[in-house]
């Protein structure tokens, strides 16, 4: 598989697929477009990916594996618990930076079960790691001790559940804006931050 990933045509189709999916979503992008934009023939595309859903899954799997590995390494570091929480938030923002609302809508509104299953797997893995950071933060007094960690994790689940709420997502210019609003609400609540 490593040889395939080092293939220039594979890399071109992968990169162009990612760019187009992130911008327009999966449904509005055709294999023909990916091939034309990446200068890869359809026959060559099909040597690497049986369809565009598999390409999308490969892109997401690679991105999520990279994030999980990066965060796992950071958890084992000597960084403070506050820095670990910041890192988790930074990674959420990094993931959401380039993804369009159309991409998110395509996955959830069209019930792309294979992709939803993949994202659920990584969400659960990330949640388990974040839970351990929050537990440590609560012990150290960085997170309020009167808030149940299961409540916090429930709220994170609600953020993901709302990814199929087109009316809600339509209120945001980007997926990153939606993510930042949720992060700010979870960290700071309704009241303005004290100076």
C-alpha atoms as a PDB file:
ATOM      1  CA  UNK A   1       0.000   0.000   0.000  1.00  0.00           C
ATOM      2  CA  UNK A   2       2.903   2.343   0.731  1.00  0.00           C
ATOM      3  CA  UNK A   3       4.084   1.996  -2.875  1.00  0.00           C
ATOM      4  CA  UNK A   4       0.627   3.005  -4.085  1.00  0.00           C
ATOM      5  CA  UNK A   5       0.566   6.068  -1.810  1.00  0.00           C
ATOM      6  CA  UNK A   6       3.940   7.142  -3.214  1.00  0.00           C
ATOM      7  CA  UNK A   7       2.609   6.981  -6.779  1.00  0.00           C
ATOM      8  CA  UNK A   8       2.382  10.503  -8.262  1.00  0.00           C
ATOM      9  CA  UNK A   9      -0.960   9.786  -9.965  1.00  0.00           C
ATOM     10  CA  UNK A  10      -2.399   8.468  -6.683  1.00  0.00           C
ATOM     11  CA  UNK A  11      -1.185  11.590  -4.885  1.00  0.00           C
ATOM     12  CA  UNK A  12      -2.640  13.858  -7.572  1.00  0.00           C
ATOM     13  CA  UNK A  13      -6.089  12.211  -7.474  1.00  0.00           C
ATOM     14  CA  UNK A  14      -6.029  12.128  -3.668  1.00  0.00           C
ATOM     15  CA  UNK A  15      -5.046  15.800  -3.326  1.00  0.00           C
ATOM     16  CA  UNK A  16      -7.534  17.015  -5.926  1.00  0.00           C
ATOM     17  CA  UNK A  17     -10.310  14.837  -4.493  1.00  0.00           C
ATOM     18  CA  UNK A  18      -9.666  16.261  -1.037  1.00  0.00           C
ATOM     19  CA  UNK A  19      -9.654  19.830  -2.327  1.00  0.00           C
ATOM     20  CA  UNK A  20     -12.892  19.379  -4.277  1.00  0.00           C
ATOM     21  CA  UNK A  21     -14.708  17.390  -1.543  1.00  0.00           C
ATOM     22  CA  UNK A  22     -13.749  19.931   1.113  1.00  0.00           C
ATOM     23  CA  UNK A  23     -15.016  22.783  -1.051  1.00  0.00           C
ATOM     24  CA  UNK A  24     -18.155  21.343  -2.687  1.00  0.00           C
ATOM     25  CA  UNK A  25     -19.035  18.177  -0.788  1.00  0.00           C
ATOM     26  CA  UNK A  26     -19.019  14.628  -2.107  1.00  0.00           C
ATOM     27  CA  UNK A  27     -22.296  14.608  -4.021  1.00  0.00           C
ATOM     28  CA  UNK A  28     -21.489  17.581  -6.259  1.00  0.00           C
ATOM     29  CA  UNK A  29     -18.042  16.280  -7.251  1.00  0.00           C
ATOM     30  CA  UNK A  30     -17.759  13.641  -9.959  1.00  0.00           C
ATOM     31  CA  UNK A  31     -14.959  11.201 -10.639  1.00  0.00           C
ATOM     32  CA  UNK A  32     -14.651  12.862 -14.054  1.00  0.00           C
ATOM     33  CA  UNK A  33     -13.967  16.215 -12.374  1.00  0.00           C
ATOM     34  CA  UNK A  34     -11.354  14.716 -10.061  1.00  0.00           C
ATOM     35  CA  UNK A  35      -9.647  13.035 -13.022  1.00  0.00           C
ATOM     36  CA  UNK A  36      -9.729  16.149 -15.193  1.00  0.00           C
ATOM     37  CA  UNK A  37      -8.453  18.452 -12.415  1.00  0.00           C
ATOM     38  CA  UNK A  38      -5.703  16.036 -11.382  1.00  0.00           C
ATOM     39  CA  UNK A  39      -4.676  14.970 -14.911  1.00  0.00           C
ATOM     40  CA  UNK A  40      -5.340  11.335 -14.013  1.00  0.00           C
ATOM     41  CA  UNK A  41      -7.223   9.036 -16.365  1.00  0.00           C
ATOM     42  CA  UNK A  42     -10.391   7.341 -15.120  1.00  0.00           C
ATOM     43  CA  UNK A  43      -8.759   3.966 -15.640  1.00  0.00           C
ATOM     44  CA  UNK A  44      -5.862   5.011 -13.392  1.00  0.00           C
ATOM     45  CA  UNK A  45      -8.267   6.462 -10.807  1.00  0.00           C
ATOM     46  CA  UNK A  46     -10.114   3.128 -10.632  1.00  0.00           C
ATOM     47  CA  UNK A  47      -6.809   1.291 -10.070  1.00  0.00           C
ATOM     48  CA  UNK A  48      -6.513   3.207  -6.786  1.00  0.00           C
ATOM     49  CA  UNK A  49     -10.135   3.748  -5.710  1.00  0.00           C
ATOM     50  CA  UNK A  50     -13.229   1.707  -6.650  1.00  0.00           C
ATOM     51  CA  UNK A  51     -15.406   4.849  -6.320  1.00  0.00           C
ATOM     52  CA  UNK A  52     -15.415   8.369  -4.927  1.00  0.00           C
ATOM     53  CA  UNK A  53     -16.796   7.239  -1.553  1.00  0.00           C
ATOM     54  CA  UNK A  54     -13.685   5.080  -1.081  1.00  0.00           C
ATOM     55  CA  UNK A  55     -11.530   8.084  -1.957  1.00  0.00           C
ATOM     56  CA  UNK A  56     -13.413  10.192   0.613  1.00  0.00           C
ATOM     57  CA  UNK A  57     -13.035   7.432   3.232  1.00  0.00           C
ATOM     58  CA  UNK A  58      -9.298   7.162   2.520  1.00  0.00           C
ATOM     59  CA  UNK A  59      -8.852  10.917   2.880  1.00  0.00           C
ATOM     60  CA  UNK A  60     -10.827  11.024   6.137  1.00  0.00           C
ATOM     61  CA  UNK A  61      -9.106   7.925   7.548  1.00  0.00           C
ATOM     62  CA  UNK A  62      -5.661   9.391   6.849  1.00  0.00           C
ATOM     63  CA  UNK A  63      -6.611  12.749   8.361  1.00  0.00           C
ATOM     64  CA  UNK A  64      -8.131  11.198  11.486  1.00  0.00           C
ATOM     65  CA  UNK A  65      -5.240   8.760  11.993  1.00  0.00           C
ATOM     66  CA  UNK A  66      -2.801  11.655  11.808  1.00  0.00           C
ATOM     67  CA  UNK A  67      -4.815  13.650  14.361  1.00  0.00           C
ATOM     68  CA  UNK A  68      -5.237  10.708  16.750  1.00  0.00           C
ATOM     69  CA  UNK A  69      -1.518   9.885  16.575  1.00  0.00           C
ATOM     70  CA  UNK A  70      -0.555  13.516  17.097  1.00  0.00           C
ATOM     71  CA  UNK A  71      -2.884  13.906  20.078  1.00  0.00           C
ATOM     72  CA  UNK A  72      -1.809  10.551  21.582  1.00  0.00           C
ATOM     73  CA  UNK A  73       1.824  11.652  21.467  1.00  0.00           C
ATOM     74  CA  UNK A  74       0.886  14.982  23.051  1.00  0.00           C
ATOM     75  CA  UNK A  75      -1.014  13.215  25.854  1.00  0.00           C
ATOM     76  CA  UNK A  76       2.146  11.288  26.735  1.00  0.00           C
ATOM     77  CA  UNK A  77       4.222  14.467  26.787  1.00  0.00           C
ATOM     78  CA  UNK A  78       5.063  16.545  29.855  1.00  0.00           C
ATOM     79  CA  UNK A  79       2.672  19.298  28.727  1.00  0.00           C
ATOM     80  CA  UNK A  80       0.340  20.705  31.367  1.00  0.00           C
ATOM     81  CA  UNK A  81      -3.263  19.549  31.425  1.00  0.00           C
ATOM     82  CA  UNK A  82      -4.336  23.039  30.319  1.00  0.00           C
ATOM     83  CA  UNK A  83      -2.076  22.754  27.281  1.00  0.00           C
ATOM     84  CA  UNK A  84      -3.512  19.316  26.517  1.00  0.00           C
ATOM     85  CA  UNK A  85      -7.036  20.775  26.515  1.00  0.00           C
ATOM     86  CA  UNK A  86      -5.853  23.616  24.281  1.00  0.00           C
ATOM     87  CA  UNK A  87      -4.262  21.066  21.945  1.00  0.00           C
ATOM     88  CA  UNK A  88      -7.536  19.105  21.751  1.00  0.00           C
ATOM     89  CA  UNK A  89      -9.413  22.309  20.885  1.00  0.00           C
ATOM     90  CA  UNK A  90      -6.762  23.341  18.367  1.00  0.00           C
ATOM     91  CA  UNK A  91      -7.076  19.965  16.663  1.00  0.00           C
ATOM     92  CA  UNK A  92     -10.858  20.317  16.432  1.00  0.00           C
ATOM     93  CA  UNK A  93     -10.416  23.721  14.810  1.00  0.00           C
ATOM     94  CA  UNK A  94      -7.696  22.359  12.507  1.00  0.00           C
ATOM     95  CA  UNK A  95     -10.000  19.565  11.315  1.00  0.00           C
ATOM     96  CA  UNK A  96     -12.836  21.984  10.652  1.00  0.00           C
ATOM     97  CA  UNK A  97     -10.752  24.706   8.994  1.00  0.00           C
ATOM     98  CA  UNK A  98     -11.040  23.639   5.369  1.00  0.00           C
ATOM     99  CA  UNK A  99     -14.122  21.414   5.418  1.00  0.00           C
ATOM    100  CA  UNK A 100     -17.227  22.957   3.911  1.00  0.00           C
ATOM    101  CA  UNK A 101     -20.712  22.704   5.320  1.00  0.00           C
ATOM    102  CA  UNK A 102     -21.667  21.051   2.002  1.00  0.00           C
ATOM    103  CA  UNK A 103     -19.202  18.241   2.749  1.00  0.00           C
ATOM    104  CA  UNK A 104     -20.669  17.688   6.223  1.00  0.00           C
ATOM    105  CA  UNK A 105     -24.234  17.874   4.855  1.00  0.00           C
ATOM    106  CA  UNK A 106     -23.438  15.312   2.161  1.00  0.00           C
ATOM    107  CA  UNK A 107     -22.211  12.813   4.709  1.00  0.00           C
ATOM    108  CA  UNK A 108     -25.036  13.184   7.200  1.00  0.00           C
ATOM    109  CA  UNK A 109     -28.044  14.137   5.078  1.00  0.00           C
ATOM    110  CA  UNK A 110     -27.369  11.433   2.477  1.00  0.00           C
ATOM    111  CA  UNK A 111     -26.708   8.882   5.215  1.00  0.00           C
ATOM    112  CA  UNK A 112     -23.303   7.847   3.893  1.00  0.00           C
ATOM    113  CA  UNK A 113     -23.198   5.028   6.445  1.00  0.00           C
ATOM    114  CA  UNK A 114     -19.678   3.871   5.613  1.00  0.00           C
ATOM    115  CA  UNK A 115     -18.276   7.344   6.180  1.00  0.00           C
ATOM    116  CA  UNK A 116     -20.473   7.988   9.229  1.00  0.00           C
ATOM    117  CA  UNK A 117     -19.230   4.701  10.700  1.00  0.00           C
ATOM    118  CA  UNK A 118     -15.631   5.705  10.079  1.00  0.00           C
ATOM    119  CA  UNK A 119     -16.133   9.142  11.664  1.00  0.00           C
ATOM    120  CA  UNK A 120     -17.967   7.584  14.626  1.00  0.00           C
ATOM    121  CA  UNK A 121     -15.028   5.240  15.236  1.00  0.00           C
ATOM    122  CA  UNK A 122     -12.555   8.120  15.371  1.00  0.00           C
ATOM    123  CA  UNK A 123     -14.935  10.334  17.335  1.00  0.00           C
ATOM    124  CA  UNK A 124     -15.224   7.618  19.992  1.00  0.00           C
ATOM    125  CA  UNK A 125     -11.451   7.160  20.102  1.00  0.00           C
ATOM    126  CA  UNK A 126     -10.928  10.913  20.422  1.00  0.00           C
ATOM    127  CA  UNK A 127     -13.624  11.194  23.074  1.00  0.00           C
ATOM    128  CA  UNK A 128     -11.952   8.537  25.225  1.00  0.00           C
ATOM    129  CA  UNK A 129      -8.652  10.432  25.069  1.00  0.00           C
ATOM    130  CA  UNK A 130     -10.346  13.774  25.776  1.00  0.00           C
ATOM    131  CA  UNK A 131     -12.250  12.258  28.714  1.00  0.00           C
ATOM    132  CA  UNK A 132      -8.942  11.234  30.327  1.00  0.00           C
ATOM    133  CA  UNK A 133      -7.610  14.786  29.875  1.00  0.00           C
ATOM    134  CA  UNK A 134     -10.768  16.270  31.402  1.00  0.00           C
ATOM    135  CA  UNK A 135     -10.580  13.873  34.354  1.00  0.00           C
ATOM    136  CA  UNK A 136      -6.987  14.930  34.987  1.00  0.00           C
ATOM    137  CA  UNK A 137      -7.985  18.597  34.564  1.00  0.00           C
ATOM    138  CA  UNK A 138     -10.776  18.193  37.094  1.00  0.00           C
ATOM    139  CA  UNK A 139      -8.396  16.655  39.644  1.00  0.00           C
ATOM    140  CA  UNK A 140      -5.993  19.576  39.127  1.00  0.00           C
ATOM    141  CA  UNK A 141      -8.790  22.160  39.424  1.00  0.00           C
ATOM    142  CA  UNK A 142      -8.500  23.368  35.825  1.00  0.00           C
ATOM    143  CA  UNK A 143     -12.048  22.162  35.085  1.00  0.00           C
ATOM    144  CA  UNK A 144     -14.857  22.786  37.577  1.00  0.00           C
ATOM    145  CA  UNK A 145     -15.324  19.842  39.912  1.00  0.00           C
ATOM    146  CA  UNK A 146     -19.088  20.412  40.151  1.00  0.00           C
ATOM    147  CA  UNK A 147     -19.622  19.554  36.464  1.00  0.00           C
ATOM    148  CA  UNK A 148     -20.044  15.888  35.648  1.00  0.00           C
ATOM    149  CA  UNK A 149     -17.646  14.689  32.967  1.00  0.00           C
ATOM    150  CA  UNK A 150     -20.401  12.558  31.453  1.00  0.00           C
ATOM    151  CA  UNK A 151     -22.449  15.738  30.973  1.00  0.00           C
ATOM    152  CA  UNK A 152     -19.550  17.360  29.120  1.00  0.00           C
ATOM    153  CA  UNK A 153     -19.156  14.304  26.905  1.00  0.00           C
ATOM    154  CA  UNK A 154     -22.929  14.266  26.287  1.00  0.00           C
ATOM    155  CA  UNK A 155     -22.677  17.850  25.050  1.00  0.00           C
ATOM    156  CA  UNK A 156     -19.878  16.853  22.668  1.00  0.00           C
ATOM    157  CA  UNK A 157     -22.120  14.096  21.321  1.00  0.00           C
ATOM    158  CA  UNK A 158     -24.849  16.673  20.711  1.00  0.00           C
ATOM    159  CA  UNK A 159     -22.428  18.759  18.649  1.00  0.00           C
ATOM    160  CA  UNK A 160     -21.885  15.767  16.354  1.00  0.00           C
ATOM    161  CA  UNK A 161     -25.599  14.896  16.257  1.00  0.00           C
ATOM    162  CA  UNK A 162     -26.318  18.406  15.010  1.00  0.00           C
ATOM    163  CA  UNK A 163     -24.109  17.859  11.975  1.00  0.00           C
ATOM    164  CA  UNK A 164     -27.213  16.587  10.146  1.00  0.00           C
ATOM    165  CA  UNK A 165     -29.256  19.640  11.113  1.00  0.00           C
ATOM    166  CA  UNK A 166     -29.218  21.648   7.873  1.00  0.00           C
ATOM    167  CA  UNK A 167     -31.250  24.505   9.393  1.00  0.00           C
ATOM    168  CA  UNK A 168     -28.665  24.955  12.138  1.00  0.00           C
ATOM    169  CA  UNK A 169     -25.624  24.609   9.875  1.00  0.00           C
ATOM    170  CA  UNK A 170     -27.078  27.076   7.360  1.00  0.00           C
ATOM    171  CA  UNK A 171     -26.644  29.805   9.988  1.00  0.00           C
ATOM    172  CA  UNK A 172     -22.862  29.510   9.736  1.00  0.00           C
ATOM    173  CA  UNK A 173     -20.568  30.672   6.952  1.00  0.00           C
ATOM    174  CA  UNK A 174     -18.264  27.702   7.478  1.00  0.00           C
ATOM    175  CA  UNK A 175     -17.916  24.459   9.370  1.00  0.00           C
ATOM    176  CA  UNK A 176     -15.063  26.064  11.323  1.00  0.00           C
ATOM    177  CA  UNK A 177     -17.378  28.841  12.511  1.00  0.00           C
ATOM    178  CA  UNK A 178     -19.858  26.195  13.735  1.00  0.00           C
ATOM    179  CA  UNK A 179     -17.046  24.320  15.545  1.00  0.00           C
ATOM    180  CA  UNK A 180     -15.687  27.472  17.205  1.00  0.00           C
ATOM    181  CA  UNK A 181     -19.148  28.501  18.390  1.00  0.00           C
ATOM    182  CA  UNK A 182     -19.601  25.110  20.058  1.00  0.00           C
ATOM    183  CA  UNK A 183     -16.145  25.177  21.645  1.00  0.00           C
ATOM    184  CA  UNK A 184     -16.659  28.699  22.981  1.00  0.00           C
ATOM    185  CA  UNK A 185     -20.076  27.804  24.364  1.00  0.00           C
ATOM    186  CA  UNK A 186     -18.760  24.685  26.103  1.00  0.00           C
ATOM    187  CA  UNK A 187     -15.780  26.502  27.595  1.00  0.00           C
ATOM    188  CA  UNK A 188     -17.359  29.820  28.511  1.00  0.00           C
ATOM    189  CA  UNK A 189     -21.127  29.308  28.666  1.00  0.00           C
ATOM    190  CA  UNK A 190     -23.621  32.093  28.082  1.00  0.00           C
ATOM    191  CA  UNK A 191     -22.122  34.889  30.129  1.00  0.00           C
ATOM    192  CA  UNK A 192     -19.446  37.213  28.705  1.00  0.00           C
ATOM    193  CA  UNK A 193     -15.870  36.343  29.652  1.00  0.00           C
ATOM    194  CA  UNK A 194     -14.586  38.259  32.675  1.00  0.00           C
ATOM    195  CA  UNK A 195     -11.762  40.619  31.870  1.00  0.00           C
END
